[in-house]
Amino acid sequence: MTVIINICGYSVIGELKYSIGNLKKELRKEEIRLEEAKAKADTKTSIHEIEKRAREELNMDYPTKDQIRYIQIK
């Protein structure tokens, strides 16, 4: 009887280890997807990307000397 209980216990342990292994693989895949998403977001928020979008989509540019006004603060 004890042998049967031990065999069942080892079977359950084996199944749990298999499940844990699969969950670890899934977690790693999700971590990779998260890292890729973060990298993609970083490229969209780089200063060069912002400048490019401002020029192309909004027709913006740096001000010329005539457009700059200085104010004196006392």
PDB file of N, CA and C in Angstrom:
ATOM      1  N   MET A   1       0.819  -1.201   0.000  1.00  0.00           N
ATOM      2  CA  MET A   1       0.000   0.000   0.000  1.00  0.00           C
ATOM      3  C   MET A   1       0.862   1.265   0.000  1.00  0.00           C
ATOM      4  N   THR A   2       1.901   1.268   0.778  1.00  0.00           N
ATOM      5  CA  THR A   2       2.795   2.420   0.854  1.00  0.00           C
ATOM      6  C   THR A   2       3.467   2.670  -0.493  1.00  0.00           C
ATOM      7  N   VAL A   3       3.783   1.591  -1.184  1.00  0.00           N
ATOM      8  CA  VAL A   3       4.437   1.719  -2.487  1.00  0.00           C
ATOM      9  C   VAL A   3       3.506   2.419  -3.470  1.00  0.00           C
ATOM     10  N   ILE A   4       2.227   2.093  -3.448  1.00  0.00           N
ATOM     11  CA  ILE A   4       1.254   2.716  -4.352  1.00  0.00           C
ATOM     12  C   ILE A   4       1.130   4.206  -4.043  1.00  0.00           C
ATOM     13  N   ILE A   5       1.102   4.558  -2.785  1.00  0.00           N
ATOM     14  CA  ILE A   5       1.009   5.971  -2.391  1.00  0.00           C
ATOM     15  C   ILE A   5       2.253   6.721  -2.851  1.00  0.00           C
ATOM     16  N   ASN A   6       3.423   6.113  -2.692  1.00  0.00           N
ATOM     17  CA  ASN A   6       4.669   6.747  -3.135  1.00  0.00           C
ATOM     18  C   ASN A   6       4.670   6.940  -4.644  1.00  0.00           C
ATOM     19  N   ILE A   7       4.215   5.944  -5.388  1.00  0.00           N
ATOM     20  CA  ILE A   7       4.173   6.045  -6.846  1.00  0.00           C
ATOM     21  C   ILE A   7       3.218   7.157  -7.271  1.00  0.00           C
ATOM     22  N   CYS A   8       2.049   7.223  -6.625  1.00  0.00           N
ATOM     23  CA  CYS A   8       1.093   8.291  -6.942  1.00  0.00           C
ATOM     24  C   CYS A   8       1.676   9.662  -6.611  1.00  0.00           C
ATOM     25  N   GLY A   9       2.373   9.736  -5.490  1.00  0.00           N
ATOM     26  CA  GLY A   9       3.001  11.000  -5.097  1.00  0.00           C
ATOM     27  C   GLY A   9       4.035  11.439  -6.106  1.00  0.00           C
ATOM     28  N   TYR A  10       4.871  10.488  -6.555  1.00  0.00           N
ATOM     29  CA  TYR A  10       5.879  10.812  -7.560  1.00  0.00           C
ATOM     30  C   TYR A  10       5.237  11.212  -8.881  1.00  0.00           C
ATOM     31  N   SER A  11       4.114  10.603  -9.211  1.00  0.00           N
ATOM     32  CA  SER A  11       3.397  10.944 -10.436  1.00  0.00           C
ATOM     33  C   SER A  11       2.891  12.383 -10.367  1.00  0.00           C
ATOM     34  N   VAL A  12       2.313  12.744  -9.229  1.00  0.00           N
ATOM     35  CA  VAL A  12       1.815  14.117  -9.044  1.00  0.00           C
ATOM     36  C   VAL A  12       2.974  15.103  -9.097  1.00  0.00           C
ATOM     37  N   ILE A  13       4.065  14.767  -8.445  1.00  0.00           N
ATOM     38  CA  ILE A  13       5.241  15.647  -8.447  1.00  0.00           C
ATOM     39  C   ILE A  13       5.762  15.827  -9.875  1.00  0.00           C
ATOM     40  N   GLY A  14       5.796  14.743 -10.642  1.00  0.00           N
ATOM     41  CA  GLY A  14       6.248  14.817 -12.023  1.00  0.00           C
ATOM     42  C   GLY A  14       5.362  15.720 -12.858  1.00  0.00           C
ATOM     43  N   GLU A  15       4.061  15.581 -12.686  1.00  0.00           N
ATOM     44  CA  GLU A  15       3.122  16.437 -13.425  1.00  0.00           C
ATOM     45  C   GLU A  15       3.297  17.901 -13.047  1.00  0.00           C
ATOM     46  N   LEU A  16       3.472  18.161 -11.759  1.00  0.00           N
ATOM     47  CA  LEU A  16       3.660  19.542 -11.307  1.00  0.00           C
ATOM     48  C   LEU A  16       4.955  20.135 -11.861  1.00  0.00           C
ATOM     49  N   LYS A  17       6.019  19.342 -11.872  1.00  0.00           N
ATOM     50  CA  LYS A  17       7.289  19.835 -12.428  1.00  0.00           C
ATOM     51  C   LYS A  17       7.138  20.143 -13.911  1.00  0.00           C
ATOM     52  N   TYR A  18       6.410  19.291 -14.628  1.00  0.00           N
ATOM     53  CA  TYR A  18       6.162  19.515 -16.047  1.00  0.00           C
ATOM     54  C   TYR A  18       5.373  20.810 -16.247  1.00  0.00           C
ATOM     55  N   SER A  19       4.347  21.006 -15.424  1.00  0.00           N
ATOM     56  CA  SER A  19       3.543  22.237 -15.509  1.00  0.00           C
ATOM     57  C   SER A  19       4.386  23.464 -15.205  1.00  0.00           C
ATOM     58  N   ILE A  20       5.226  23.366 -14.203  1.00  0.00           N
ATOM     59  CA  ILE A  20       6.097  24.488 -13.839  1.00  0.00           C
ATOM     60  C   ILE A  20       7.035  24.820 -15.003  1.00  0.00           C
ATOM     61  N   GLY A  21       7.586  23.791 -15.626  1.00  0.00           N
ATOM     62  CA  GLY A  21       8.469  24.013 -16.773  1.00  0.00           C
ATOM     63  C   GLY A  21       7.753  24.738 -17.901  1.00  0.00           C
ATOM     64  N   ASN A  22       6.514  24.315 -18.189  1.00  0.00           N
ATOM     65  CA  ASN A  22       5.743  24.977 -19.241  1.00  0.00           C
ATOM     66  C   ASN A  22       5.426  26.422 -18.876  1.00  0.00           C
ATOM     67  N   LEU A  23       5.079  26.652 -17.626  1.00  0.00           N
ATOM     68  CA  LEU A  23       4.779  28.018 -17.179  1.00  0.00           C
ATOM     69  C   LEU A  23       6.019  28.906 -17.260  1.00  0.00           C
ATOM     70  N   LYS A  24       7.172  28.364 -16.932  1.00  0.00           N
ATOM     71  CA  LYS A  24       8.414  29.139 -17.035  1.00  0.00           C
ATOM     72  C   LYS A  24       8.696  29.518 -18.488  1.00  0.00           C
ATOM     73  N   LYS A  25       8.448  28.582 -19.422  1.00  0.00           N
ATOM     74  CA  LYS A  25       8.643  28.878 -20.838  1.00  0.00           C
ATOM     75  C   LYS A  25       7.691  29.984 -21.293  1.00  0.00           C
ATOM     76  N   GLU A  26       6.428  29.893 -20.885  1.00  0.00           N
ATOM     77  CA  GLU A  26       5.447  30.923 -21.246  1.00  0.00           C
ATOM     78  C   GLU A  26       5.841  32.267 -20.666  1.00  0.00           C
ATOM     79  N   LEU A  27       6.297  32.254 -19.409  1.00  0.00           N
ATOM     80  CA  LEU A  27       6.719  33.502 -18.764  1.00  0.00           C
ATOM     81  C   LEU A  27       7.877  34.128 -19.531  1.00  0.00           C
ATOM     82  N   ARG A  28       8.839  33.328 -19.936  1.00  0.00           N
ATOM     83  CA  ARG A  28       9.993  33.859 -20.672  1.00  0.00           C
ATOM     84  C   ARG A  28       9.556  34.465 -22.003  1.00  0.00           C
ATOM     85  N   LYS A  29       8.612  33.808 -22.689  1.00  0.00           N
ATOM     86  CA  LYS A  29       8.103  34.351 -23.947  1.00  0.00           C
ATOM     87  C   LYS A  29       7.433  35.703 -23.723  1.00  0.00           C
ATOM     88  N   GLU A  30       6.663  35.809 -22.650  1.00  0.00           N
ATOM     89  CA  GLU A  30       5.989  37.080 -22.347  1.00  0.00           C
ATOM     90  C   GLU A  30       6.996  38.150 -21.954  1.00  0.00           C
ATOM     91  N   GLU A  31       8.050  37.763 -21.239  1.00  0.00           N
ATOM     92  CA  GLU A  31       9.093  38.735 -20.880  1.00  0.00           C
ATOM     93  C   GLU A  31       9.773  39.268 -22.137  1.00  0.00           C
ATOM     94  N   ILE A  32      10.011  38.388 -23.097  1.00  0.00           N
ATOM     95  CA  ILE A  32      10.629  38.812 -24.361  1.00  0.00           C
ATOM     96  C   ILE A  32       9.699  39.759 -25.100  1.00  0.00           C
ATOM     97  N   ARG A  33       8.401  39.433 -25.141  1.00  0.00           N
ATOM     98  CA  ARG A  33       7.442  40.321 -25.802  1.00  0.00           C
ATOM     99  C   ARG A  33       7.397  41.684 -25.118  1.00  0.00           C
ATOM    100  N   LEU A  34       7.465  41.691 -23.783  1.00  0.00           N
ATOM    101  CA  LEU A  34       7.458  42.953 -23.037  1.00  0.00           C
ATOM    102  C   LEU A  34       8.704  43.770 -23.355  1.00  0.00           C
ATOM    103  N   GLU A  35       9.866  43.122 -23.383  1.00  0.00           N
ATOM    104  CA  GLU A  35      11.104  43.832 -23.716  1.00  0.00           C
ATOM    105  C   GLU A  35      11.042  44.422 -25.122  1.00  0.00           C
ATOM    106  N   GLU A  36      10.475  43.664 -26.066  1.00  0.00           N
ATOM    107  CA  GLU A  36      10.337  44.172 -27.436  1.00  0.00           C
ATOM    108  C   GLU A  36       9.390  45.368 -27.479  1.00  0.00           C
ATOM    109  N   ALA A  37       8.300  45.295 -26.722  1.00  0.00           N
ATOM    110  CA  ALA A  37       7.346  46.408 -26.691  1.00  0.00           C
ATOM    111  C   ALA A  37       7.987  47.654 -26.078  1.00  0.00           C
ATOM    112  N   LYS A  38       8.770  47.453 -25.020  1.00  0.00           N
ATOM    113  CA  LYS A  38       9.458  48.588 -24.401  1.00  0.00           C
ATOM    114  C   LYS A  38      10.461  49.207 -25.370  1.00  0.00           C
ATOM    115  N   ALA A  39      11.192  48.370 -26.086  1.00  0.00           N
ATOM    116  CA  ALA A  39      12.171  48.885 -27.053  1.00  0.00           C
ATOM    117  C   ALA A  39      11.469  49.656 -28.161  1.00  0.00           C
ATOM    118  N   LYS A  40      10.342  49.144 -28.601  1.00  0.00           N
ATOM    119  CA  LYS A  40       9.580  49.824 -29.646  1.00  0.00           C
ATOM    120  C   LYS A  40       9.062  51.167 -29.140  1.00  0.00           C
ATOM    121  N   ALA A  41       8.594  51.204 -27.902  1.00  0.00           N
ATOM    122  CA  ALA A  41       8.108  52.454 -27.317  1.00  0.00           C
ATOM    123  C   ALA A  41       9.250  53.452 -27.162  1.00  0.00           C
ATOM    124  N   ASP A  42      10.424  52.962 -26.778  1.00  0.00           N
ATOM    125  CA  ASP A  42      11.577  53.850 -26.626  1.00  0.00           C
ATOM    126  C   ASP A  42      11.955  54.502 -27.944  1.00  0.00           C
ATOM    127  N   THR A  43      11.876  53.751 -29.037  1.00  0.00           N
ATOM    128  CA  THR A  43      12.244  54.336 -30.322  1.00  0.00           C
ATOM    129  C   THR A  43      11.225  55.377 -30.755  1.00  0.00           C
ATOM    130  N   LYS A  44       9.980  55.199 -30.366  1.00  0.00           N
ATOM    131  CA  LYS A  44       8.953  56.169 -30.743  1.00  0.00           C
ATOM    132  C   LYS A  44       9.055  57.448 -29.926  1.00  0.00           C
ATOM    133  N   THR A  45       9.702  57.401 -28.795  1.00  0.00           N
ATOM    134  CA  THR A  45       9.795  58.585 -27.945  1.00  0.00           C
ATOM    135  C   THR A  45      11.205  59.191 -27.949  1.00  0.00           C
ATOM    136  N   SER A  46      12.065  58.733 -28.838  1.00  0.00           N
ATOM    137  CA  SER A  46      13.393  59.326 -28.911  1.00  0.00           C
ATOM    138  C   SER A  46      13.272  60.750 -29.441  1.00  0.00           C
ATOM    139  N   ILE A  47      14.215  61.584 -29.122  1.00  0.00           N
ATOM    140  CA  ILE A  47      14.177  62.982 -29.524  1.00  0.00           C
ATOM    141  C   ILE A  47      14.202  63.112 -31.045  1.00  0.00           C
ATOM    142  N   HIS A  48      14.924  62.223 -31.691  1.00  0.00           N
ATOM    143  CA  HIS A  48      14.995  62.283 -33.155  1.00  0.00           C
ATOM    144  C   HIS A  48      13.654  61.907 -33.780  1.00  0.00           C
ATOM    145  N   GLU A  49      13.002  60.922 -33.199  1.00  0.00           N
ATOM    146  CA  GLU A  49      11.698  60.510 -33.718  1.00  0.00           C
ATOM    147  C   GLU A  49      10.668  61.620 -33.498  1.00  0.00           C
ATOM    148  N   ILE A  50      10.714  62.261 -32.354  1.00  0.00           N
ATOM    149  CA  ILE A  50       9.788  63.362 -32.065  1.00  0.00           C
ATOM    150  C   ILE A  50      10.027  64.517 -33.038  1.00  0.00           C
ATOM    151  N   GLU A  51      11.285  64.842 -33.255  1.00  0.00           N
ATOM    152  CA  GLU A  51      11.610  65.931 -34.183  1.00  0.00           C
ATOM    153  C   GLU A  51      11.137  65.592 -35.598  1.00  0.00           C
ATOM    154  N   LYS A  52      11.374  64.366 -36.020  1.00  0.00           N
ATOM    155  CA  LYS A  52      10.960  63.937 -37.356  1.00  0.00           C
ATOM    156  C   LYS A  52       9.447  64.027 -37.517  1.00  0.00           C
ATOM    157  N   ARG A  53       8.708  63.550 -36.512  1.00  0.00           N
ATOM    158  CA  ARG A  53       7.248  63.603 -36.579  1.00  0.00           C
ATOM    159  C   ARG A  53       6.749  65.048 -36.570  1.00  0.00           C
ATOM    160  N   ALA A  54       7.399  65.911 -35.783  1.00  0.00           N
ATOM    161  CA  ALA A  54       6.991  67.316 -35.732  1.00  0.00           C
ATOM    162  C   ALA A  54       7.183  67.980 -37.091  1.00  0.00           C
ATOM    163  N   ARG A  55       8.279  67.677 -37.742  1.00  0.00           N
ATOM    164  CA  ARG A  55       8.550  68.266 -39.060  1.00  0.00           C
ATOM    165  C   ARG A  55       7.600  67.728 -40.126  1.00  0.00           C
ATOM    166  N   GLU A  56       7.418  66.404 -40.148  1.00  0.00           N
ATOM    167  CA  GLU A  56       6.645  65.779 -41.227  1.00  0.00           C
ATOM    168  C   GLU A  56       5.136  65.895 -41.022  1.00  0.00           C
ATOM    169  N   GLU A  57       4.673  65.634 -39.815  1.00  0.00           N
ATOM    170  CA  GLU A  57       3.225  65.595 -39.586  1.00  0.00           C
ATOM    171  C   GLU A  57       2.636  66.958 -39.240  1.00  0.00           C
ATOM    172  N   LEU A  58       3.405  67.782 -38.540  1.00  0.00           N
ATOM    173  CA  LEU A  58       2.871  69.065 -38.077  1.00  0.00           C
ATOM    174  C   LEU A  58       3.482  70.259 -38.800  1.00  0.00           C
ATOM    175  N   ASN A  59       4.396  69.985 -39.715  1.00  0.00           N
ATOM    176  CA  ASN A  59       5.037  71.053 -40.468  1.00  0.00           C
ATOM    177  C   ASN A  59       5.754  72.047 -39.554  1.00  0.00           C
ATOM    178  N   MET A  60       6.334  71.549 -38.493  1.00  0.00           N
ATOM    179  CA  MET A  60       7.025  72.416 -37.537  1.00  0.00           C
ATOM    180  C   MET A  60       8.509  72.493 -37.884  1.00  0.00           C
ATOM    181  N   ASP A  61       9.147  73.576 -37.437  1.00  0.00           N
ATOM    182  CA  ASP A  61      10.576  73.754 -37.633  1.00  0.00           C
ATOM    183  C   ASP A  61      11.088  74.637 -36.503  1.00  0.00           C
ATOM    184  N   TYR A  62      12.414  74.735 -36.393  1.00  0.00           N
ATOM    185  CA  TYR A  62      12.995  75.609 -35.378  1.00  0.00           C
ATOM    186  C   TYR A  62      12.720  77.059 -35.750  1.00  0.00           C
ATOM    187  N   PRO A  63      12.570  77.934 -34.759  1.00  0.00           N
ATOM    188  CA  PRO A  63      12.290  79.344 -35.071  1.00  0.00           C
ATOM    189  C   PRO A  63      13.502  80.019 -35.709  1.00  0.00           C
ATOM    190  N   THR A  64      13.214  80.973 -36.565  1.00  0.00           N
ATOM    191  CA  THR A  64      14.284  81.785 -37.165  1.00  0.00           C
ATOM    192  C   THR A  64      14.620  82.920 -36.195  1.00  0.00           C
ATOM    193  N   LYS A  65      15.658  83.675 -36.504  1.00  0.00           N
ATOM    194  CA  LYS A  65      16.051  84.787 -35.631  1.00  0.00           C
ATOM    195  C   LYS A  65      14.946  85.828 -35.515  1.00  0.00           C
ATOM    196  N   ASP A  66      14.203  86.013 -36.576  1.00  0.00           N
ATOM    197  CA  ASP A  66      13.123  86.999 -36.569  1.00  0.00           C
ATOM    198  C   ASP A  66      11.952  86.555 -35.683  1.00  0.00           C
ATOM    199  N   GLN A  67      11.851  85.298 -35.452  1.00  0.00           N
ATOM    200  CA  GLN A  67      10.736  84.782 -34.658  1.00  0.00           C
ATOM    201  C   GLN A  67      11.045  84.707 -33.165  1.00  0.00           C
ATOM    202  N   ILE A  68      12.282  84.922 -32.782  1.00  0.00           N
ATOM    203  CA  ILE A  68      12.687  84.815 -31.380  1.00  0.00           C
ATOM    204  C   ILE A  68      12.553  86.180 -30.712  1.00  0.00           C
ATOM    205  N   ARG A  69      11.917  86.223 -29.590  1.00  0.00           N
ATOM    206  CA  ARG A  69      11.772  87.460 -28.798  1.00  0.00           C
ATOM    207  C   ARG A  69      12.364  87.199 -27.402  1.00  0.00           C
ATOM    208  N   TYR A  70      13.097  88.150 -26.937  1.00  0.00           N
ATOM    209  CA  TYR A  70      13.701  88.047 -25.620  1.00  0.00           C
ATOM    210  C   TYR A  70      12.988  89.018 -24.690  1.00  0.00           C
ATOM    211  N   ILE A  71      12.770  88.584 -23.480  1.00  0.00           N
ATOM    212  CA  ILE A  71      12.164  89.475 -22.480  1.00  0.00           C
ATOM    213  C   ILE A  71      13.127  89.634 -21.323  1.00  0.00           C
ATOM    214  N   GLN A  72      13.085  90.789 -20.728  1.00  0.00           N
ATOM    215  CA  GLN A  72      13.973  91.073 -19.615  1.00  0.00           C
ATOM    216  C   GLN A  72      13.206  90.847 -18.312  1.00  0.00           C
ATOM    217  N   ILE A  73      13.810  90.117 -17.439  1.00  0.00           N
ATOM    218  CA  ILE A  73      13.198  89.840 -16.130  1.00  0.00           C
ATOM    219  C   ILE A  73      13.999  90.586 -15.078  1.00  0.00           C
ATOM    220  N   LYS A  74      13.277  91.342 -14.237  1.00  0.00           N
ATOM    221  CA  LYS A  74      13.957  92.119 -13.201  1.00  0.00           C
ATOM    222  C   LYS A  74      13.877  91.422 -11.892  1.00  0.00           C
TER     223      LYS A  74
END
